[in-house]
Amino acid sequence: MKSTIVKIIDTIGIHARPASKITNEASKYKSEIKFIVGGKVANAKSLINLMALGVKVNNKVEIQTIGSDEDQALAAVVQVMKETKLI
């Protein structure tokens, strides 16, 4: 298992457009990818799950990856979050 914690800087939080990009990227990997916020856990391959977290600006999100390509999956998801200016 690999994990990292990121802080959301987008004033809207995780909204539809970046969430869609995250799920598209996450779906490319075999590993399980989870977002954890305030005790709530979401599957990063599910747009509905990500949106249901209700992540706001300044929230800290733990991203966990578990599987054969966990390193690449974690790096790719974090990169997408940087590109969409979430973090």
N, C-alpha and C. Protein backbone atom coordinates (compact mmCIF):
# COMPACT_ATOMS: atom_id res chain seq x y z
N MET A 1 0.84 -1.19 0.00
CA MET A 1 0.00 0.00 0.00
C MET A 1 0.88 1.25 0.00
N LYS A 2 0.50 2.20 -0.79
CA LYS A 2 1.15 3.52 -0.83
C LYS A 2 0.09 4.55 -0.50
N SER A 3 0.51 5.64 0.12
CA SER A 3 -0.45 6.71 0.39
C SER A 3 0.26 8.05 0.51
N THR A 4 -0.51 9.08 0.31
CA THR A 4 -0.03 10.44 0.49
C THR A 4 -1.21 11.30 0.92
N ILE A 5 -0.90 12.43 1.54
CA ILE A 5 -1.94 13.36 1.94
C ILE A 5 -1.72 14.67 1.18
N VAL A 6 -2.80 15.16 0.58
CA VAL A 6 -2.74 16.41 -0.19
C VAL A 6 -3.76 17.38 0.38
N LYS A 7 -3.49 18.66 0.20
CA LYS A 7 -4.40 19.72 0.66
C LYS A 7 -5.06 20.35 -0.56
N ILE A 8 -6.36 20.43 -0.55
CA ILE A 8 -7.13 21.00 -1.66
C ILE A 8 -7.04 22.52 -1.61
N ILE A 9 -6.63 23.12 -2.73
CA ILE A 9 -6.51 24.59 -2.79
C ILE A 9 -7.56 25.22 -3.70
N ASP A 10 -8.25 24.42 -4.50
CA ASP A 10 -9.31 24.96 -5.37
C ASP A 10 -10.43 25.49 -4.48
N THR A 11 -10.85 26.72 -4.71
CA THR A 11 -11.87 27.33 -3.85
C THR A 11 -13.21 26.61 -3.89
N ILE A 12 -13.46 25.85 -4.93
CA ILE A 12 -14.71 25.09 -5.05
C ILE A 12 -14.57 23.70 -4.43
N GLY A 13 -13.34 23.25 -4.21
CA GLY A 13 -13.11 21.89 -3.73
C GLY A 13 -13.04 20.95 -4.92
N ILE A 14 -13.32 19.68 -4.67
CA ILE A 14 -13.34 18.71 -5.77
C ILE A 14 -14.72 18.78 -6.41
N HIS A 15 -14.76 19.32 -7.62
CA HIS A 15 -16.03 19.47 -8.34
C HIS A 15 -16.00 18.58 -9.58
N ALA A 16 -17.04 18.65 -10.39
CA ALA A 16 -17.27 17.69 -11.47
C ALA A 16 -16.13 17.56 -12.48
N ARG A 17 -15.61 18.66 -12.98
CA ARG A 17 -14.59 18.58 -14.03
C ARG A 17 -13.32 17.87 -13.55
N PRO A 18 -12.68 18.31 -12.44
CA PRO A 18 -11.49 17.60 -12.01
C PRO A 18 -11.80 16.18 -11.51
N ALA A 19 -12.95 15.99 -10.91
CA ALA A 19 -13.32 14.64 -10.45
C ALA A 19 -13.41 13.69 -11.64
N SER A 20 -13.95 14.16 -12.75
CA SER A 20 -14.03 13.35 -13.96
C SER A 20 -12.64 12.98 -14.47
N LYS A 21 -11.73 13.94 -14.44
CA LYS A 21 -10.36 13.67 -14.88
C LYS A 21 -9.66 12.68 -13.96
N ILE A 22 -9.92 12.80 -12.66
CA ILE A 22 -9.34 11.86 -11.70
C ILE A 22 -9.85 10.45 -11.96
N THR A 23 -11.17 10.29 -12.13
CA THR A 23 -11.72 8.95 -12.34
C THR A 23 -11.23 8.35 -13.66
N ASN A 24 -11.11 9.18 -14.69
CA ASN A 24 -10.59 8.68 -15.97
C ASN A 24 -9.17 8.17 -15.81
N GLU A 25 -8.34 8.91 -15.10
CA GLU A 25 -6.94 8.49 -14.89
C GLU A 25 -6.88 7.26 -13.99
N ALA A 26 -7.64 7.27 -12.91
CA ALA A 26 -7.63 6.16 -11.96
C ALA A 26 -8.06 4.85 -12.62
N SER A 27 -8.98 4.94 -13.55
CA SER A 27 -9.50 3.74 -14.23
C SER A 27 -8.47 3.06 -15.12
N LYS A 28 -7.37 3.71 -15.39
CA LYS A 28 -6.31 3.13 -16.22
C LYS A 28 -5.45 2.12 -15.46
N TYR A 29 -5.61 2.07 -14.15
CA TYR A 29 -4.74 1.25 -13.31
C TYR A 29 -5.49 0.09 -12.67
N LYS A 30 -4.76 -1.00 -12.43
CA LYS A 30 -5.34 -2.18 -11.80
C LYS A 30 -5.53 -1.99 -10.31
N SER A 31 -4.68 -1.17 -9.71
CA SER A 31 -4.71 -0.97 -8.26
C SER A 31 -6.02 -0.36 -7.80
N GLU A 32 -6.35 -0.65 -6.55
CA GLU A 32 -7.47 -0.01 -5.89
C GLU A 32 -6.98 1.37 -5.47
N ILE A 33 -7.77 2.41 -5.74
CA ILE A 33 -7.39 3.78 -5.41
C ILE A 33 -8.52 4.38 -4.58
N LYS A 34 -8.16 4.81 -3.36
CA LYS A 34 -9.16 5.36 -2.44
C LYS A 34 -8.82 6.80 -2.07
N PHE A 35 -9.85 7.61 -1.90
CA PHE A 35 -9.73 8.95 -1.34
C PHE A 35 -10.38 8.89 0.03
N ILE A 36 -9.69 9.39 1.06
CA ILE A 36 -10.21 9.35 2.42
C ILE A 36 -10.21 10.78 2.97
N VAL A 37 -11.40 11.22 3.41
CA VAL A 37 -11.57 12.57 3.96
C VAL A 37 -12.50 12.49 5.15
N GLY A 38 -12.02 12.94 6.30
CA GLY A 38 -12.87 12.99 7.49
C GLY A 38 -13.56 11.68 7.81
N GLY A 39 -12.87 10.58 7.63
CA GLY A 39 -13.45 9.27 7.92
C GLY A 39 -14.27 8.67 6.80
N LYS A 40 -14.57 9.44 5.77
CA LYS A 40 -15.31 8.92 4.62
C LYS A 40 -14.32 8.41 3.58
N VAL A 41 -14.67 7.28 2.95
CA VAL A 41 -13.80 6.66 1.95
C VAL A 41 -14.53 6.58 0.62
N ALA A 42 -13.81 6.92 -0.46
CA ALA A 42 -14.41 6.86 -1.80
C ALA A 42 -13.48 6.12 -2.74
N ASN A 43 -14.08 5.38 -3.65
CA ASN A 43 -13.35 4.73 -4.73
C ASN A 43 -13.07 5.80 -5.78
N ALA A 44 -11.78 6.03 -6.07
CA ALA A 44 -11.41 7.09 -7.02
C ALA A 44 -11.79 6.76 -8.46
N LYS A 45 -12.21 5.54 -8.71
CA LYS A 45 -12.63 5.15 -10.06
C LYS A 45 -14.12 5.43 -10.29
N SER A 46 -14.78 5.98 -9.26
CA SER A 46 -16.21 6.27 -9.33
C SER A 46 -16.46 7.77 -9.15
N LEU A 47 -16.97 8.40 -10.18
CA LEU A 47 -17.27 9.84 -10.13
C LEU A 47 -18.27 10.14 -9.01
N ILE A 48 -19.29 9.33 -8.89
CA ILE A 48 -20.32 9.53 -7.85
C ILE A 48 -19.69 9.45 -6.46
N ASN A 49 -18.82 8.45 -6.24
CA ASN A 49 -18.15 8.31 -4.94
C ASN A 49 -17.31 9.54 -4.62
N LEU A 50 -16.54 10.02 -5.59
CA LEU A 50 -15.69 11.19 -5.36
C LEU A 50 -16.53 12.42 -5.03
N MET A 51 -17.58 12.64 -5.79
CA MET A 51 -18.43 13.80 -5.57
C MET A 51 -19.14 13.72 -4.21
N ALA A 52 -19.49 12.50 -3.79
CA ALA A 52 -20.20 12.31 -2.53
C ALA A 52 -19.35 12.66 -1.31
N LEU A 53 -18.04 12.71 -1.47
CA LEU A 53 -17.17 13.08 -0.35
C LEU A 53 -17.38 14.53 0.08
N GLY A 54 -17.79 15.37 -0.85
CA GLY A 54 -18.03 16.78 -0.53
C GLY A 54 -16.76 17.52 -0.10
N VAL A 55 -15.67 17.26 -0.80
CA VAL A 55 -14.38 17.85 -0.43
C VAL A 55 -14.38 19.35 -0.72
N LYS A 56 -14.01 20.13 0.29
CA LYS A 56 -13.99 21.60 0.19
C LYS A 56 -12.55 22.11 0.21
N VAL A 57 -12.39 23.40 -0.07
CA VAL A 57 -11.08 24.03 -0.01
C VAL A 57 -10.49 23.85 1.39
N ASN A 58 -9.18 23.64 1.43
CA ASN A 58 -8.40 23.43 2.65
C ASN A 58 -8.60 22.06 3.30
N ASN A 59 -9.46 21.21 2.76
CA ASN A 59 -9.57 19.84 3.27
C ASN A 59 -8.31 19.08 2.92
N LYS A 60 -7.92 18.18 3.81
CA LYS A 60 -6.80 17.29 3.54
C LYS A 60 -7.37 15.95 3.10
N VAL A 61 -6.85 15.44 1.99
CA VAL A 61 -7.32 14.19 1.40
C VAL A 61 -6.18 13.18 1.43
N GLU A 62 -6.45 12.02 2.01
CA GLU A 62 -5.47 10.94 1.93
C GLU A 62 -5.80 10.11 0.70
N ILE A 63 -4.80 9.88 -0.13
CA ILE A 63 -4.98 9.05 -1.31
C ILE A 63 -4.21 7.76 -1.06
N GLN A 64 -4.92 6.63 -1.13
CA GLN A 64 -4.29 5.33 -0.92
C GLN A 64 -4.39 4.50 -2.19
N THR A 65 -3.30 3.81 -2.51
CA THR A 65 -3.32 2.88 -3.64
C THR A 65 -2.84 1.52 -3.15
N ILE A 66 -3.50 0.48 -3.61
CA ILE A 66 -3.15 -0.88 -3.23
C ILE A 66 -3.22 -1.74 -4.48
N GLY A 67 -2.08 -2.35 -4.85
CA GLY A 67 -2.08 -3.24 -6.00
C GLY A 67 -0.75 -3.29 -6.71
N SER A 68 -0.73 -3.99 -7.81
CA SER A 68 0.51 -4.24 -8.54
C SER A 68 1.14 -3.00 -9.14
N ASP A 69 0.32 -1.99 -9.45
CA ASP A 69 0.86 -0.76 -10.05
C ASP A 69 0.56 0.45 -9.15
N GLU A 70 0.62 0.23 -7.84
CA GLU A 70 0.24 1.27 -6.87
C GLU A 70 1.11 2.53 -6.95
N ASP A 71 2.41 2.36 -7.20
CA ASP A 71 3.29 3.54 -7.29
C ASP A 71 2.90 4.43 -8.46
N GLN A 72 2.71 3.82 -9.62
CA GLN A 72 2.35 4.57 -10.82
C GLN A 72 0.96 5.19 -10.68
N ALA A 73 0.03 4.45 -10.09
CA ALA A 73 -1.33 4.94 -9.91
C ALA A 73 -1.35 6.17 -9.00
N LEU A 74 -0.62 6.10 -7.90
CA LEU A 74 -0.58 7.23 -6.97
C LEU A 74 0.03 8.46 -7.63
N ALA A 75 1.15 8.26 -8.31
CA ALA A 75 1.81 9.39 -8.98
C ALA A 75 0.91 10.02 -10.05
N ALA A 76 0.20 9.18 -10.80
CA ALA A 76 -0.65 9.68 -11.88
C ALA A 76 -1.84 10.48 -11.33
N VAL A 77 -2.47 9.99 -10.28
CA VAL A 77 -3.62 10.69 -9.70
C VAL A 77 -3.18 12.03 -9.11
N VAL A 78 -2.06 12.04 -8.41
CA VAL A 78 -1.55 13.29 -7.85
C VAL A 78 -1.22 14.28 -8.97
N GLN A 79 -0.64 13.78 -10.05
CA GLN A 79 -0.31 14.64 -11.19
C GLN A 79 -1.56 15.28 -11.80
N VAL A 80 -2.61 14.49 -11.96
CA VAL A 80 -3.88 15.03 -12.49
C VAL A 80 -4.43 16.10 -11.55
N MET A 81 -4.32 15.88 -10.25
CA MET A 81 -4.81 16.87 -9.29
C MET A 81 -4.00 18.16 -9.38
N LYS A 82 -2.70 18.05 -9.63
CA LYS A 82 -1.88 19.24 -9.82
C LYS A 82 -2.26 19.97 -11.11
N GLU A 83 -2.43 19.21 -12.18
CA GLU A 83 -2.77 19.80 -13.48
C GLU A 83 -4.10 20.52 -13.45
N THR A 84 -5.06 19.99 -12.69
CA THR A 84 -6.37 20.62 -12.60
C THR A 84 -6.43 21.67 -11.48
N LYS A 85 -5.27 21.93 -10.87
CA LYS A 85 -5.12 22.96 -9.84
C LYS A 85 -5.98 22.70 -8.58
N LEU A 86 -6.21 21.41 -8.31
CA LEU A 86 -6.88 21.06 -7.05
C LEU A 86 -5.92 21.17 -5.88
N ILE A 87 -4.63 20.83 -6.16
CA ILE A 87 -3.62 20.85 -5.09
C ILE A 87 -2.46 21.70 -5.51
